[in-house]
Amino acid sequence: MFASTNLLREVLDRIKGLERDNELVRTVLMVKEPGTVHAAQSFEGLRKQILAGAAERRSHLAQLVAMSVAVARATSVDDLRPQVREWMEQAGVGRLDEAPPGEPARDFFEDVSGDGLDGRLDVLEPAYVDLQTGALLRLGRARRASAPAPQPTPDAAGAADDQKEEPR
C-alpha cells in the first residue's frame, strides 16, 4: 500500500513537471513569435486577468472600508455578527460546524483532545471553506463528543429492581 502511494505521488509530481515544461515552451514560443494567434489569445487572456484583478482589489478595498465603518459604529460584537455573515456570503466563504458527508473530519478539524475525530464531534471553532472551489481556508478545532450516559430501558430497570429484592 505504501509503495503504491509513493509511486502515485511520484507519477503526479512528474505530470506536474511536464505541465510546467509545457507552459514554459508555450511562453518561449509566444515571446519568440508574438504575432501568432496563440500569442494574441494569451495576451488577451492576460489583459482580462489584470482587469479582473484590479476589480477584485477595488471590491476588497470597499469591503475593508465597510468593515472599518461597521467596527467604528458597533457598540458590541453582537452588532457585527449579521454584517460579518453577509460579508462571508459575498466572499463565498462557508462555515463548517461538521465535516461534509463522506469526508473525514480530520481533513477539516484539528483534534484538540488527541482522542481521534470518529463519531460525534464537539466543534470548538468552525472550519471555513471556499464555496466556489471547496478549498479549506481555515482548519476548525474539535474534539470527540463524550458519549451520553446510557438510558435504562423499562425492562432493564425492572430487572435491576428484581435483583435488589431481599431473598425470602
Foldseek 3Di string as FASTA:
>chain_A
DVVVVVVVVVVVVVVVVVVVVVVVVLVVVCVVPVPDPSNVVVVVVVVVVVVVVVVVVVVVVVVVVVVVVQVVPDPDVVSCVVVVVVVCVVQQKDWAPADPPPDALVVAEDAPVPPGAPDDKDWPFTWMARNVPRHTDGHTYIHHDDDDDDDDDPVRVVVVVVVPDDDD
